[in-house]
Amino acid sequence: MSVNMAQPPPSTSTPSPAPRQKSFFRDTLEIVFLALALYLIIQYAVQTVHVLGSSMYGTLHDNDLLVASKISYKLHAPQRGDIIVFKPPNDDARDFIKRVIAVPGDSLRIDKGVVYINGQVLNEPYLPEKWTYNNTWPADGHPQVVPPNHYFVMGDNRNHSSDSRNFGFIELNSILGKAELRIWPLDAVGLLNTRPTLAAGS
């Protein structure tokens, strides 16, 4: 037994392309917006930093590639322990990368490799070796107070670093950014968040 079912006549109308055109236009706008946002972030918010030399050895190595925030210090002041990129006062031709040791208002002295901040010992777990060279500051042994809008910085590799022991305090407006993340080499990718602590001292 067969059944013959009536079929509706074929449609002669053509589907409107409007929804597809609207979707394409919206997708294009989203791509353009995301590309623009990414450009602005790269241009104004972050920068890549290529480490050259060994002055931060223990934490950073020669040829490490970092991401630094250029807007962090528009939101808050640099903190003790931050790793910063800056223009040194004695060499505008290149950027330096060091660690903030003392901030404005701190009373600072260094005695035979021990850093005293406001009379307290600064514990620094990131130092790669015993600090024996240029390990007393200032030369007269009297504490110095860090001036407003200035910072005292040193490399973690104290025996092989040119830093505030040589060129003095750096100004806030010479700081270009805060190193936040290592992205190369791949086996060392991670946040740069090792920090010093203060302990009671004399």
C-alpha atoms as a PDB file:
ATOM      1  CA  MET A   1       0.000   0.000   0.000  1.00  0.00           C
ATOM      2  CA  SER A   2       1.356   3.431  -0.893  1.00  0.00           C
ATOM      3  CA  VAL A   3       0.391   6.809   0.394  1.00  0.00           C
ATOM      4  CA  ASN A   4       0.528   9.900  -1.753  1.00  0.00           C
ATOM      5  CA  MET A   5       0.852  12.996   0.532  1.00  0.00           C
ATOM      6  CA  ALA A   6       0.336  16.429  -0.844  1.00  0.00           C
ATOM      7  CA  GLN A   7       3.479  18.629  -0.752  1.00  0.00           C
ATOM      8  CA  PRO A   8       3.342  22.393  -0.320  1.00  0.00           C
ATOM      9  CA  PRO A   9       4.368  24.349  -3.377  1.00  0.00           C
ATOM     10  CA  PRO A  10       8.060  25.369  -3.373  1.00  0.00           C
ATOM     11  CA  SER A  11       8.787  28.814  -2.004  1.00  0.00           C
ATOM     12  CA  THR A  12       9.870  31.377  -4.520  1.00  0.00           C
ATOM     13  CA  SER A  13      11.017  33.973  -1.948  1.00  0.00           C
ATOM     14  CA  THR A  14      14.757  34.583  -1.266  1.00  0.00           C
ATOM     15  CA  PRO A  15      15.956  34.774   2.386  1.00  0.00           C
ATOM     16  CA  SER A  16      16.977  38.246   3.430  1.00  0.00           C
ATOM     17  CA  PRO A  17      20.748  38.656   3.905  1.00  0.00           C
ATOM     18  CA  ALA A  18      20.252  41.423   6.477  1.00  0.00           C
ATOM     19  CA  PRO A  19      20.883  39.306   9.632  1.00  0.00           C
ATOM     20  CA  ARG A  20      24.138  37.923   8.193  1.00  0.00           C
ATOM     21  CA  GLN A  21      25.283  41.417   7.212  1.00  0.00           C
ATOM     22  CA  LYS A  22      24.496  42.737  10.695  1.00  0.00           C
ATOM     23  CA  SER A  23      26.370  39.854  12.305  1.00  0.00           C
ATOM     24  CA  PHE A  24      29.416  40.416  10.079  1.00  0.00           C
ATOM     25  CA  PHE A  25      29.382  44.146  10.856  1.00  0.00           C
ATOM     26  CA  ARG A  26      29.120  43.474  14.606  1.00  0.00           C
ATOM     27  CA  ASP A  27      31.928  40.891  14.522  1.00  0.00           C
ATOM     28  CA  THR A  28      34.156  43.305  12.611  1.00  0.00           C
ATOM     29  CA  LEU A  29      33.509  46.050  15.167  1.00  0.00           C
ATOM     30  CA  GLU A  30      34.357  43.672  18.023  1.00  0.00           C
ATOM     31  CA  ILE A  31      37.646  42.684  16.363  1.00  0.00           C
ATOM     32  CA  VAL A  32      38.570  46.317  15.758  1.00  0.00           C
ATOM     33  CA  PHE A  33      37.674  47.242  19.338  1.00  0.00           C
ATOM     34  CA  LEU A  34      39.710  44.368  20.796  1.00  0.00           C
ATOM     35  CA  ALA A  35      42.673  45.206  18.572  1.00  0.00           C
ATOM     36  CA  LEU A  36      42.506  48.845  19.647  1.00  0.00           C
ATOM     37  CA  ALA A  37      42.230  47.900  23.319  1.00  0.00           C
ATOM     38  CA  LEU A  38      45.210  45.555  22.992  1.00  0.00           C
ATOM     39  CA  TYR A  39      47.241  48.267  21.270  1.00  0.00           C
ATOM     40  CA  LEU A  40      46.450  50.769  24.024  1.00  0.00           C
ATOM     41  CA  ILE A  41      47.385  48.257  26.720  1.00  0.00           C
ATOM     42  CA  ILE A  42      50.697  47.476  25.044  1.00  0.00           C
ATOM     43  CA  GLN A  43      51.458  51.110  24.241  1.00  0.00           C
ATOM     44  CA  TYR A  44      50.480  52.763  27.508  1.00  0.00           C
ATOM     45  CA  ALA A  45      50.097  50.114  30.224  1.00  0.00           C
ATOM     46  CA  VAL A  46      52.923  47.588  29.794  1.00  0.00           C
ATOM     47  CA  GLN A  47      56.334  47.218  28.227  1.00  0.00           C
ATOM     48  CA  THR A  48      58.673  44.315  27.637  1.00  0.00           C
ATOM     49  CA  VAL A  49      62.093  44.483  29.290  1.00  0.00           C
ATOM     50  CA  HIS A  50      65.157  42.602  28.072  1.00  0.00           C
ATOM     51  CA  VAL A  51      67.573  41.996  30.963  1.00  0.00           C
ATOM     52  CA  LEU A  52      71.222  42.576  30.092  1.00  0.00           C
ATOM     53  CA  GLY A  53      73.941  41.753  32.592  1.00  0.00           C
ATOM     54  CA  SER A  54      74.103  40.071  35.975  1.00  0.00           C
ATOM     55  CA  SER A  55      73.401  42.848  38.504  1.00  0.00           C
ATOM     56  CA  MET A  56      70.067  41.245  39.465  1.00  0.00           C
ATOM     57  CA  TYR A  57      71.440  37.690  39.455  1.00  0.00           C
ATOM     58  CA  GLY A  58      69.749  35.463  41.967  1.00  0.00           C
ATOM     59  CA  THR A  59      66.389  36.810  40.834  1.00  0.00           C
ATOM     60  CA  LEU A  60      66.955  37.704  37.182  1.00  0.00           C
ATOM     61  CA  HIS A  61      69.423  36.394  34.632  1.00  0.00           C
ATOM     62  CA  ASP A  62      71.082  37.785  31.538  1.00  0.00           C
ATOM     63  CA  ASN A  63      68.660  37.666  28.561  1.00  0.00           C
ATOM     64  CA  ASP A  64      65.539  37.175  30.691  1.00  0.00           C
ATOM     65  CA  LEU A  65      62.459  38.778  29.143  1.00  0.00           C
ATOM     66  CA  LEU A  66      60.068  40.559  31.499  1.00  0.00           C
ATOM     67  CA  VAL A  67      56.761  42.377  31.391  1.00  0.00           C
ATOM     68  CA  ALA A  68      56.723  45.669  33.284  1.00  0.00           C
ATOM     69  CA  SER A  69      53.701  47.755  34.215  1.00  0.00           C
ATOM     70  CA  LYS A  70      53.903  51.405  33.189  1.00  0.00           C
ATOM     71  CA  ILE A  71      50.784  52.415  35.125  1.00  0.00           C
ATOM     72  CA  SER A  72      51.361  50.825  38.549  1.00  0.00           C
ATOM     73  CA  TYR A  73      52.957  53.950  39.957  1.00  0.00           C
ATOM     74  CA  LYS A  74      50.195  56.153  38.655  1.00  0.00           C
ATOM     75  CA  LEU A  75      47.950  54.227  41.055  1.00  0.00           C
ATOM     76  CA  HIS A  76      50.280  53.918  44.067  1.00  0.00           C
ATOM     77  CA  ALA A  77      53.820  54.749  45.169  1.00  0.00           C
ATOM     78  CA  PRO A  78      56.693  52.281  44.712  1.00  0.00           C
ATOM     79  CA  GLN A  79      57.036  49.845  47.596  1.00  0.00           C
ATOM     80  CA  ARG A  80      60.074  48.362  49.281  1.00  0.00           C
ATOM     81  CA  GLY A  81      61.021  45.188  47.415  1.00  0.00           C
ATOM     82  CA  ASP A  82      59.616  46.264  44.032  1.00  0.00           C
ATOM     83  CA  ILE A  83      61.812  45.544  41.018  1.00  0.00           C
ATOM     84  CA  ILE A  84      61.789  48.685  38.912  1.00  0.00           C
ATOM     85  CA  VAL A  85      62.982  49.924  35.532  1.00  0.00           C
ATOM     86  CA  PHE A  86      64.380  53.462  35.627  1.00  0.00           C
ATOM     87  CA  LYS A  87      66.735  56.011  34.129  1.00  0.00           C
ATOM     88  CA  PRO A  88      69.816  56.321  36.348  1.00  0.00           C
ATOM     89  CA  PRO A  89      70.887  59.878  37.197  1.00  0.00           C
ATOM     90  CA  ASN A  90      74.325  59.392  35.652  1.00  0.00           C
ATOM     91  CA  ASP A  91      73.338  57.697  32.382  1.00  0.00           C
ATOM     92  CA  ASP A  92      70.251  58.739  30.398  1.00  0.00           C
ATOM     93  CA  ALA A  93      71.238  56.573  27.434  1.00  0.00           C
ATOM     94  CA  ARG A  94      70.092  53.267  28.937  1.00  0.00           C
ATOM     95  CA  ASP A  95      67.594  51.870  31.398  1.00  0.00           C
ATOM     96  CA  PHE A  96      68.535  50.116  34.638  1.00  0.00           C
ATOM     97  CA  ILE A  97      66.635  47.451  36.556  1.00  0.00           C
ATOM     98  CA  LYS A  98      67.108  47.237  40.338  1.00  0.00           C
ATOM     99  CA  ARG A  99      65.205  46.567  43.538  1.00  0.00           C
ATOM    100  CA  VAL A 100      63.742  49.276  45.773  1.00  0.00           C
ATOM    101  CA  ILE A 101      65.402  49.025  49.175  1.00  0.00           C
ATOM    102  CA  ALA A 102      64.317  52.232  50.912  1.00  0.00           C
ATOM    103  CA  VAL A 103      61.393  54.579  50.290  1.00  0.00           C
ATOM    104  CA  PRO A 104      60.817  58.261  51.151  1.00  0.00           C
ATOM    105  CA  GLY A 105      61.142  58.921  54.872  1.00  0.00           C
ATOM    106  CA  ASP A 106      63.126  55.754  55.614  1.00  0.00           C
ATOM    107  CA  SER A 107      66.263  56.104  57.721  1.00  0.00           C
ATOM    108  CA  LEU A 108      68.855  53.925  55.992  1.00  0.00           C
ATOM    109  CA  ARG A 109      72.305  52.632  56.767  1.00  0.00           C
ATOM    110  CA  ILE A 110      74.262  49.594  55.622  1.00  0.00           C
ATOM    111  CA  ASP A 111      76.875  48.034  57.879  1.00  0.00           C
ATOM    112  CA  LYS A 112      79.049  45.173  56.586  1.00  0.00           C
ATOM    113  CA  GLY A 113      76.326  43.792  54.333  1.00  0.00           C
ATOM    114  CA  VAL A 114      73.444  44.269  56.765  1.00  0.00           C
ATOM    115  CA  VAL A 115      70.781  46.780  55.712  1.00  0.00           C
ATOM    116  CA  TYR A 116      69.059  48.717  58.479  1.00  0.00           C
ATOM    117  CA  ILE A 117      65.762  50.466  57.762  1.00  0.00           C
ATOM    118  CA  ASN A 118      64.576  52.675  60.627  1.00  0.00           C
ATOM    119  CA  GLY A 119      66.755  50.614  62.952  1.00  0.00           C
ATOM    120  CA  GLN A 120      65.375  47.280  61.770  1.00  0.00           C
ATOM    121  CA  VAL A 121      67.300  44.627  59.858  1.00  0.00           C
ATOM    122  CA  LEU A 122      66.131  44.051  56.297  1.00  0.00           C
ATOM    123  CA  ASN A 123      65.988  40.304  55.613  1.00  0.00           C
ATOM    124  CA  GLU A 124      66.689  39.659  51.931  1.00  0.00           C
ATOM    125  CA  PRO A 125      66.171  36.009  50.927  1.00  0.00           C
ATOM    126  CA  TYR A 126      66.926  36.672  47.243  1.00  0.00           C
ATOM    127  CA  LEU A 127      70.645  37.533  47.616  1.00  0.00           C
ATOM    128  CA  PRO A 128      72.690  34.910  45.710  1.00  0.00           C
ATOM    129  CA  GLU A 129      75.886  35.049  47.765  1.00  0.00           C
ATOM    130  CA  LYS A 130      77.592  36.627  50.754  1.00  0.00           C
ATOM    131  CA  TRP A 131      77.801  40.385  50.262  1.00  0.00           C
ATOM    132  CA  THR A 132      81.421  41.454  50.747  1.00  0.00           C
ATOM    133  CA  TYR A 133      82.072  44.292  48.260  1.00  0.00           C
ATOM    134  CA  ASN A 134      80.992  47.902  48.875  1.00  0.00           C
ATOM    135  CA  ASN A 135      78.908  46.644  51.789  1.00  0.00           C
ATOM    136  CA  THR A 136      78.870  49.747  54.031  1.00  0.00           C
ATOM    137  CA  TRP A 137      76.848  52.894  53.255  1.00  0.00           C
ATOM    138  CA  PRO A 138      77.138  55.795  53.782  1.00  0.00           C
ATOM    139  CA  ALA A 139      80.870  55.936  54.325  1.00  0.00           C
ATOM    140  CA  ASP A 140      80.585  57.811  57.644  1.00  0.00           C
ATOM    141  CA  GLY A 141      78.269  55.138  59.063  1.00  0.00           C
ATOM    142  CA  HIS A 142      75.513  57.602  59.963  1.00  0.00           C
ATOM    143  CA  PRO A 143      71.960  56.815  58.765  1.00  0.00           C
ATOM    144  CA  GLN A 144      70.557  58.918  55.935  1.00  0.00           C
ATOM    145  CA  VAL A 145      66.883  59.735  55.522  1.00  0.00           C
ATOM    146  CA  VAL A 146      65.508  59.154  52.029  1.00  0.00           C
ATOM    147  CA  PRO A 147      64.192  62.506  50.702  1.00  0.00           C
ATOM    148  CA  PRO A 148      60.589  62.970  49.495  1.00  0.00           C
ATOM    149  CA  ASN A 149      59.950  61.472  46.043  1.00  0.00           C
ATOM    150  CA  HIS A 150      63.292  59.642  46.079  1.00  0.00           C
ATOM    151  CA  TYR A 151      64.257  55.980  46.414  1.00  0.00           C
ATOM    152  CA  PHE A 152      67.346  53.947  47.264  1.00  0.00           C
ATOM    153  CA  VAL A 153      67.819  50.996  44.912  1.00  0.00           C
ATOM    154  CA  MET A 154      70.290  48.112  44.676  1.00  0.00           C
ATOM    155  CA  GLY A 155      70.830  45.075  42.483  1.00  0.00           C
ATOM    156  CA  ASP A 156      70.358  41.682  44.116  1.00  0.00           C
ATOM    157  CA  ASN A 157      73.874  40.720  43.015  1.00  0.00           C
ATOM    158  CA  ARG A 158      75.430  43.199  45.458  1.00  0.00           C
ATOM    159  CA  ASN A 159      79.038  42.345  44.668  1.00  0.00           C
ATOM    160  CA  HIS A 160      78.484  43.143  40.974  1.00  0.00           C
ATOM    161  CA  SER A 161      75.971  45.997  40.775  1.00  0.00           C
ATOM    162  CA  SER A 162      76.170  49.709  40.076  1.00  0.00           C
ATOM    163  CA  ASP A 163      73.292  51.255  42.032  1.00  0.00           C
ATOM    164  CA  SER A 164      72.388  53.861  44.663  1.00  0.00           C
ATOM    165  CA  ARG A 165      75.595  53.069  46.541  1.00  0.00           C
ATOM    166  CA  ASN A 166      77.326  54.684  43.549  1.00  0.00           C
ATOM    167  CA  PHE A 167      74.920  57.223  42.082  1.00  0.00           C
ATOM    168  CA  GLY A 168      72.743  58.028  45.106  1.00  0.00           C
ATOM    169  CA  PHE A 169      68.977  58.239  45.422  1.00  0.00           C
ATOM    170  CA  ILE A 170      66.821  58.154  42.294  1.00  0.00           C
ATOM    171  CA  GLU A 171      63.835  60.397  41.674  1.00  0.00           C
ATOM    172  CA  LEU A 172      60.282  59.126  41.330  1.00  0.00           C
ATOM    173  CA  ASN A 173      59.932  60.677  37.888  1.00  0.00           C
ATOM    174  CA  SER A 174      62.911  58.653  36.624  1.00  0.00           C
ATOM    175  CA  ILE A 175      61.035  55.375  37.230  1.00  0.00           C
ATOM    176  CA  LEU A 176      59.624  53.917  34.004  1.00  0.00           C
ATOM    177  CA  GLY A 177      57.768  50.898  35.344  1.00  0.00           C
ATOM    178  CA  LYS A 178      57.499  47.988  37.738  1.00  0.00           C
ATOM    179  CA  ALA A 179      58.719  44.557  36.600  1.00  0.00           C
ATOM    180  CA  GLU A 180      55.833  42.174  37.257  1.00  0.00           C
ATOM    181  CA  LEU A 181      56.340  38.979  35.276  1.00  0.00           C
ATOM    182  CA  ARG A 182      59.111  36.946  33.648  1.00  0.00           C
ATOM    183  CA  ILE A 183      57.972  35.474  30.329  1.00  0.00           C
ATOM    184  CA  TRP A 184      61.281  34.050  29.093  1.00  0.00           C
ATOM    185  CA  PRO A 185      62.851  31.536  29.432  1.00  0.00           C
ATOM    186  CA  LEU A 186      59.775  29.335  29.455  1.00  0.00           C
ATOM    187  CA  ASP A 187      61.000  27.166  32.316  1.00  0.00           C
ATOM    188  CA  ALA A 188      61.239  30.262  34.551  1.00  0.00           C
ATOM    189  CA  VAL A 189      57.939  31.980  33.719  1.00  0.00           C
ATOM    190  CA  GLY A 190      56.345  33.499  36.790  1.00  0.00           C
ATOM    191  CA  LEU A 191      55.564  36.524  38.914  1.00  0.00           C
ATOM    192  CA  LEU A 192      58.423  38.537  40.411  1.00  0.00           C
ATOM    193  CA  ASN A 193      57.036  38.649  43.930  1.00  0.00           C
ATOM    194  CA  THR A 194      59.895  37.680  46.273  1.00  0.00           C
ATOM    195  CA  ARG A 195      60.129  40.469  48.840  1.00  0.00           C
ATOM    196  CA  PRO A 196      62.288  41.476  51.794  1.00  0.00           C
ATOM    197  CA  THR A 197      60.990  41.630  55.355  1.00  0.00           C
ATOM    198  CA  LEU A 198      61.923  43.731  58.360  1.00  0.00           C
ATOM    199  CA  ALA A 199      63.092  42.192  61.615  1.00  0.00           C
ATOM    200  CA  ALA A 200      64.043  43.822  64.898  1.00  0.00           C
ATOM    201  CA  GLY A 201      67.624  45.065  64.934  1.00  0.00           C
ATOM    202  CA  SER A 202      69.877  47.551  66.616  1.00  0.00           C
END
